[in-house]
Amino acid sequence: MTNNSCNLSAKTCKPCEGGVPSLEQSEIKRLLQELEGWERAGNEISKVYRFRNYYETMAFVNATAWISHHENHHPDLEVSYNHCRVRYSTHAIGGLSENDFICAAKIDRMLFTEC
């Protein structure tokens, strides 16, 4: 985890009800470079997390749900036996916001390192 990712994970999501523009391409590229293993596809970012078994996968899903509830910014999750794909997009603006990157960094921080 990079220091920039640690900076992102220290931020808090801001309410987004729409009416604000999505991030510019240059800003998306910069923020994506701060996250390890996250990829962009269209108007979302995603990452697959792999685990040893279903129990660990579900523990991850529950921890991710706690982060999402706390930040009031929720991902789409695709859950399988030993992996989970997390996808973020800010639906209210039809694109990516800083909130997507903040939550992605918080999930990585939860699993990989303390800043």
N, C-alpha and C. Protein backbone atom coordinates (compact mmCIF):
# COMPACT_ATOMS: atom_id res chain seq x y z
N MET A 1 0.85 -1.18 0.00
CA MET A 1 0.00 0.00 0.00
C MET A 1 0.90 1.24 0.00
N THR A 2 0.62 2.18 -0.86
CA THR A 2 1.43 3.38 -0.96
C THR A 2 1.00 4.42 0.06
N ASN A 3 1.87 5.39 0.31
CA ASN A 3 1.51 6.49 1.21
C ASN A 3 0.31 7.25 0.69
N ASN A 4 0.22 7.39 -0.66
CA ASN A 4 -0.93 8.08 -1.24
C ASN A 4 -2.21 7.31 -0.97
N SER A 5 -2.14 5.98 -1.04
CA SER A 5 -3.30 5.15 -0.74
C SER A 5 -3.69 5.32 0.72
N CYS A 6 -2.69 5.43 1.59
CA CYS A 6 -2.97 5.67 3.01
C CYS A 6 -3.67 7.01 3.18
N ASN A 7 -3.25 8.01 2.42
CA ASN A 7 -3.91 9.31 2.48
C ASN A 7 -5.36 9.20 2.03
N LEU A 8 -5.61 8.44 0.97
CA LEU A 8 -6.98 8.25 0.49
C LEU A 8 -7.83 7.56 1.55
N SER A 9 -7.28 6.52 2.18
CA SER A 9 -8.06 5.76 3.15
C SER A 9 -8.35 6.57 4.41
N ALA A 10 -7.63 7.64 4.64
CA ALA A 10 -7.86 8.49 5.81
C ALA A 10 -8.99 9.50 5.57
N LYS A 11 -9.42 9.64 4.32
CA LYS A 11 -10.49 10.58 4.00
C LYS A 11 -11.85 9.96 4.29
N THR A 12 -12.87 10.79 4.29
CA THR A 12 -14.25 10.38 4.48
C THR A 12 -15.05 10.75 3.24
N CYS A 13 -15.96 9.86 2.85
CA CYS A 13 -16.79 10.14 1.68
C CYS A 13 -17.70 11.34 1.93
N LYS A 14 -17.92 12.10 0.87
CA LYS A 14 -18.82 13.24 0.92
C LYS A 14 -20.14 12.84 0.26
N PRO A 15 -21.27 13.29 0.79
CA PRO A 15 -22.55 12.96 0.17
C PRO A 15 -22.59 13.39 -1.29
N CYS A 16 -23.14 12.55 -2.14
CA CYS A 16 -23.23 12.86 -3.56
C CYS A 16 -24.64 12.51 -4.04
N GLU A 17 -25.43 13.51 -4.24
CA GLU A 17 -26.82 13.32 -4.67
C GLU A 17 -26.99 13.55 -6.17
N GLY A 18 -25.90 13.73 -6.88
CA GLY A 18 -25.99 14.04 -8.30
C GLY A 18 -25.80 15.53 -8.51
N GLY A 19 -25.82 15.94 -9.77
CA GLY A 19 -25.68 17.35 -10.09
C GLY A 19 -24.24 17.84 -10.06
N VAL A 20 -23.30 16.95 -9.79
CA VAL A 20 -21.89 17.31 -9.84
C VAL A 20 -21.24 16.44 -10.92
N PRO A 21 -20.23 16.97 -11.56
CA PRO A 21 -19.60 16.18 -12.63
C PRO A 21 -18.78 15.01 -12.08
N SER A 22 -18.67 13.97 -12.88
CA SER A 22 -17.79 12.87 -12.51
C SER A 22 -16.34 13.34 -12.68
N LEU A 23 -15.42 12.58 -12.16
CA LEU A 23 -14.00 12.95 -12.23
C LEU A 23 -13.51 13.01 -13.67
N GLU A 24 -12.58 13.90 -13.90
CA GLU A 24 -11.91 14.00 -15.20
C GLU A 24 -11.01 12.79 -15.40
N GLN A 25 -10.74 12.45 -16.64
CA GLN A 25 -9.91 11.29 -16.97
C GLN A 25 -8.54 11.36 -16.30
N SER A 26 -7.93 12.54 -16.29
CA SER A 26 -6.60 12.68 -15.69
C SER A 26 -6.63 12.40 -14.18
N GLU A 27 -7.70 12.83 -13.51
CA GLU A 27 -7.83 12.60 -12.08
C GLU A 27 -8.09 11.12 -11.80
N ILE A 28 -8.89 10.48 -12.63
CA ILE A 28 -9.14 9.04 -12.49
C ILE A 28 -7.83 8.27 -12.62
N LYS A 29 -7.06 8.62 -13.62
CA LYS A 29 -5.78 7.94 -13.85
C LYS A 29 -4.85 8.13 -12.65
N ARG A 30 -4.78 9.34 -12.12
CA ARG A 30 -3.92 9.63 -10.97
C ARG A 30 -4.36 8.83 -9.74
N LEU A 31 -5.66 8.84 -9.46
CA LEU A 31 -6.16 8.13 -8.28
C LEU A 31 -6.01 6.62 -8.43
N LEU A 32 -6.20 6.11 -9.63
CA LEU A 32 -6.06 4.68 -9.87
C LEU A 32 -4.63 4.21 -9.63
N GLN A 33 -3.66 5.07 -9.90
CA GLN A 33 -2.26 4.73 -9.67
C GLN A 33 -1.95 4.62 -8.18
N GLU A 34 -2.79 5.19 -7.34
CA GLU A 34 -2.60 5.13 -5.89
C GLU A 34 -3.13 3.83 -5.29
N LEU A 35 -3.88 3.07 -6.08
CA LEU A 35 -4.48 1.82 -5.61
C LEU A 35 -3.79 0.64 -6.28
N GLU A 36 -3.55 -0.40 -5.51
CA GLU A 36 -2.89 -1.58 -6.06
C GLU A 36 -3.92 -2.62 -6.49
N GLY A 37 -3.85 -3.02 -7.77
CA GLY A 37 -4.69 -4.09 -8.26
C GLY A 37 -6.08 -3.69 -8.71
N TRP A 38 -6.45 -2.44 -8.57
CA TRP A 38 -7.75 -1.97 -9.03
C TRP A 38 -7.67 -1.64 -10.51
N GLU A 39 -8.74 -1.96 -11.23
CA GLU A 39 -8.80 -1.70 -12.67
C GLU A 39 -10.03 -0.89 -12.99
N ARG A 40 -9.91 -0.14 -14.07
CA ARG A 40 -11.04 0.66 -14.53
C ARG A 40 -11.66 -0.03 -15.73
N ALA A 41 -12.98 -0.07 -15.73
CA ALA A 41 -13.74 -0.55 -16.88
C ALA A 41 -14.94 0.38 -17.03
N GLY A 42 -14.89 1.23 -18.02
CA GLY A 42 -15.98 2.19 -18.23
C GLY A 42 -16.11 3.15 -17.08
N ASN A 43 -17.29 3.19 -16.47
CA ASN A 43 -17.58 4.13 -15.39
C ASN A 43 -17.43 3.51 -14.02
N GLU A 44 -16.58 2.48 -13.89
CA GLU A 44 -16.39 1.86 -12.59
C GLU A 44 -14.95 1.39 -12.42
N ILE A 45 -14.60 1.15 -11.15
CA ILE A 45 -13.33 0.52 -10.83
C ILE A 45 -13.66 -0.79 -10.12
N SER A 46 -12.79 -1.78 -10.28
CA SER A 46 -13.06 -3.07 -9.66
C SER A 46 -11.77 -3.77 -9.28
N LYS A 47 -11.93 -4.73 -8.36
CA LYS A 47 -10.82 -5.56 -7.93
C LYS A 47 -11.40 -6.88 -7.44
N VAL A 48 -10.66 -7.97 -7.72
CA VAL A 48 -11.05 -9.29 -7.23
C VAL A 48 -10.14 -9.63 -6.05
N TYR A 49 -10.76 -9.99 -4.94
CA TYR A 49 -10.04 -10.43 -3.75
C TYR A 49 -10.23 -11.94 -3.63
N ARG A 50 -9.14 -12.65 -3.40
CA ARG A 50 -9.18 -14.12 -3.31
C ARG A 50 -8.92 -14.57 -1.88
N PHE A 51 -9.60 -15.67 -1.48
CA PHE A 51 -9.52 -16.18 -0.13
C PHE A 51 -9.38 -17.71 -0.16
N ARG A 52 -9.09 -18.29 0.99
CA ARG A 52 -8.91 -19.74 1.08
C ARG A 52 -10.21 -20.51 1.06
N ASN A 53 -11.30 -19.87 1.51
CA ASN A 53 -12.56 -20.60 1.63
C ASN A 53 -13.73 -19.62 1.70
N TYR A 54 -14.92 -20.19 1.78
CA TYR A 54 -16.14 -19.40 1.81
C TYR A 54 -16.25 -18.56 3.08
N TYR A 55 -15.83 -19.13 4.20
CA TYR A 55 -15.89 -18.41 5.47
C TYR A 55 -15.08 -17.11 5.39
N GLU A 56 -13.87 -17.19 4.88
CA GLU A 56 -13.04 -15.98 4.75
C GLU A 56 -13.65 -15.00 3.76
N THR A 57 -14.23 -15.52 2.69
CA THR A 57 -14.88 -14.64 1.71
C THR A 57 -16.03 -13.88 2.36
N MET A 58 -16.84 -14.58 3.14
CA MET A 58 -17.98 -13.94 3.78
C MET A 58 -17.56 -12.97 4.88
N ALA A 59 -16.47 -13.26 5.56
CA ALA A 59 -15.95 -12.32 6.55
C ALA A 59 -15.54 -11.03 5.86
N PHE A 60 -14.91 -11.16 4.69
CA PHE A 60 -14.53 -9.99 3.89
C PHE A 60 -15.77 -9.21 3.46
N VAL A 61 -16.79 -9.92 2.98
CA VAL A 61 -18.02 -9.26 2.54
C VAL A 61 -18.64 -8.48 3.70
N ASN A 62 -18.70 -9.07 4.87
CA ASN A 62 -19.27 -8.38 6.03
C ASN A 62 -18.46 -7.16 6.44
N ALA A 63 -17.14 -7.27 6.40
CA ALA A 63 -16.29 -6.12 6.73
C ALA A 63 -16.46 -5.02 5.69
N THR A 64 -16.57 -5.41 4.43
CA THR A 64 -16.80 -4.44 3.36
C THR A 64 -18.16 -3.75 3.55
N ALA A 65 -19.17 -4.51 3.97
CA ALA A 65 -20.48 -3.93 4.23
C ALA A 65 -20.41 -2.90 5.36
N TRP A 66 -19.59 -3.18 6.38
CA TRP A 66 -19.44 -2.23 7.49
C TRP A 66 -18.82 -0.93 6.98
N ILE A 67 -17.76 -1.04 6.19
CA ILE A 67 -17.12 0.15 5.62
C ILE A 67 -18.13 0.92 4.78
N SER A 68 -18.86 0.22 3.94
CA SER A 68 -19.84 0.86 3.05
C SER A 68 -20.92 1.59 3.85
N HIS A 69 -21.40 0.96 4.89
CA HIS A 69 -22.42 1.58 5.73
C HIS A 69 -21.86 2.83 6.41
N HIS A 70 -20.66 2.71 6.95
CA HIS A 70 -20.02 3.83 7.64
C HIS A 70 -19.78 5.01 6.70
N GLU A 71 -19.39 4.73 5.47
CA GLU A 71 -19.09 5.80 4.50
C GLU A 71 -20.33 6.21 3.69
N ASN A 72 -21.42 5.43 3.82
CA ASN A 72 -22.63 5.66 3.03
C ASN A 72 -22.32 5.69 1.53
N HIS A 73 -21.49 4.76 1.12
CA HIS A 73 -21.13 4.61 -0.29
C HIS A 73 -20.95 3.11 -0.53
N HIS A 74 -21.78 2.55 -1.38
CA HIS A 74 -21.91 1.10 -1.45
C HIS A 74 -21.45 0.54 -2.80
N PRO A 75 -20.67 -0.53 -2.74
CA PRO A 75 -20.20 -1.16 -3.98
C PRO A 75 -21.19 -2.22 -4.46
N ASP A 76 -20.97 -2.68 -5.67
CA ASP A 76 -21.60 -3.90 -6.14
C ASP A 76 -20.62 -5.02 -5.83
N LEU A 77 -21.13 -6.11 -5.27
CA LEU A 77 -20.30 -7.24 -4.89
C LEU A 77 -20.75 -8.48 -5.66
N GLU A 78 -19.78 -9.22 -6.17
CA GLU A 78 -20.04 -10.53 -6.79
C GLU A 78 -19.31 -11.55 -5.93
N VAL A 79 -20.07 -12.37 -5.22
CA VAL A 79 -19.51 -13.28 -4.23
C VAL A 79 -19.51 -14.71 -4.75
N SER A 80 -18.37 -15.37 -4.62
CA SER A 80 -18.22 -16.78 -4.95
C SER A 80 -17.58 -17.49 -3.77
N TYR A 81 -17.34 -18.76 -3.91
CA TYR A 81 -16.80 -19.57 -2.82
C TYR A 81 -15.51 -18.99 -2.24
N ASN A 82 -14.54 -18.70 -3.09
CA ASN A 82 -13.24 -18.26 -2.58
C ASN A 82 -12.77 -16.92 -3.15
N HIS A 83 -13.70 -16.14 -3.66
CA HIS A 83 -13.33 -14.80 -4.11
C HIS A 83 -14.55 -13.88 -4.15
N CYS A 84 -14.24 -12.59 -4.19
CA CYS A 84 -15.27 -11.57 -4.26
C CYS A 84 -14.76 -10.44 -5.16
N ARG A 85 -15.57 -10.07 -6.13
CA ARG A 85 -15.26 -8.91 -6.97
C ARG A 85 -16.00 -7.71 -6.40
N VAL A 86 -15.26 -6.64 -6.17
CA VAL A 86 -15.82 -5.40 -5.65
C VAL A 86 -15.79 -4.38 -6.78
N ARG A 87 -16.95 -3.77 -7.04
CA ARG A 87 -17.05 -2.76 -8.10
C ARG A 87 -17.63 -1.48 -7.53
N TYR A 88 -16.93 -0.39 -7.77
CA TYR A 88 -17.40 0.93 -7.32
C TYR A 88 -17.68 1.83 -8.51
N SER A 89 -18.77 2.57 -8.38
CA SER A 89 -19.14 3.63 -9.30
C SER A 89 -20.11 4.52 -8.55
N THR A 90 -20.12 5.78 -8.86
CA THR A 90 -21.07 6.68 -8.21
C THR A 90 -22.27 6.83 -9.14
N HIS A 91 -23.28 6.02 -8.88
CA HIS A 91 -24.44 5.94 -9.77
C HIS A 91 -25.16 7.28 -9.92
N ALA A 92 -25.18 8.08 -8.87
CA ALA A 92 -25.90 9.36 -8.90
C ALA A 92 -25.34 10.32 -9.94
N ILE A 93 -24.06 10.14 -10.31
CA ILE A 93 -23.45 11.03 -11.30
C ILE A 93 -23.10 10.29 -12.58
N GLY A 94 -23.35 9.00 -12.62
CA GLY A 94 -23.08 8.22 -13.83
C GLY A 94 -21.61 8.09 -14.15
N GLY A 95 -20.78 8.06 -13.13
CA GLY A 95 -19.34 7.95 -13.35
C GLY A 95 -18.61 7.74 -12.04
N LEU A 96 -17.36 8.13 -12.04
CA LEU A 96 -16.52 7.93 -10.86
C LEU A 96 -16.37 9.23 -10.08
N SER A 97 -16.39 9.09 -8.75
CA SER A 97 -16.14 10.22 -7.86
C SER A 97 -14.98 9.84 -6.94
N GLU A 98 -14.50 10.80 -6.19
CA GLU A 98 -13.44 10.50 -5.23
C GLU A 98 -13.90 9.47 -4.21
N ASN A 99 -15.20 9.43 -3.90
CA ASN A 99 -15.74 8.45 -2.95
C ASN A 99 -15.39 7.02 -3.35
N ASP A 100 -15.43 6.72 -4.64
CA ASP A 100 -15.11 5.38 -5.11
C ASP A 100 -13.69 5.00 -4.74
N PHE A 101 -12.78 5.90 -4.89
CA PHE A 101 -11.37 5.65 -4.61
C PHE A 101 -11.09 5.61 -3.10
N ILE A 102 -11.80 6.44 -2.35
CA ILE A 102 -11.67 6.42 -0.89
C ILE A 102 -12.08 5.05 -0.35
N CYS A 103 -13.23 4.56 -0.78
CA CYS A 103 -13.71 3.26 -0.29
C CYS A 103 -12.81 2.13 -0.75
N ALA A 104 -12.32 2.18 -1.96
CA ALA A 104 -11.39 1.16 -2.45
C ALA A 104 -10.14 1.13 -1.57
N ALA A 105 -9.61 2.28 -1.24
CA ALA A 105 -8.42 2.36 -0.39
C ALA A 105 -8.71 1.84 1.02
N LYS A 106 -9.90 2.12 1.53
CA LYS A 106 -10.26 1.63 2.87
C LYS A 106 -10.34 0.11 2.90
N ILE A 107 -10.87 -0.49 1.85
CA ILE A 107 -10.94 -1.95 1.81
C ILE A 107 -9.53 -2.53 1.75
N ASP A 108 -8.68 -1.97 0.90
CA ASP A 108 -7.29 -2.46 0.83
C ASP A 108 -6.59 -2.30 2.17
N ARG A 109 -6.78 -1.18 2.82
CA ARG A 109 -6.15 -0.93 4.11
C ARG A 109 -6.60 -1.95 5.16
N MET A 110 -7.87 -2.29 5.11
CA MET A 110 -8.42 -3.26 6.05
C MET A 110 -7.69 -4.61 5.91
N LEU A 111 -7.32 -4.99 4.71
CA LEU A 111 -6.74 -6.30 4.47
C LEU A 111 -5.23 -6.34 4.50
N PHE A 112 -4.57 -5.30 4.05
CA PHE A 112 -3.16 -5.43 3.72
C PHE A 112 -2.17 -4.71 4.62
N THR A 113 -2.54 -3.61 5.19
CA THR A 113 -1.55 -2.87 5.96
C THR A 113 -2.21 -1.80 6.82
N GLU A 114 -1.46 -1.38 7.77
CA GLU A 114 -1.86 -0.20 8.53
C GLU A 114 -0.99 0.95 8.08
N CYS A 115 -1.59 2.10 8.00
CA CYS A 115 -0.84 3.28 7.54
C CYS A 115 -0.20 3.99 8.72
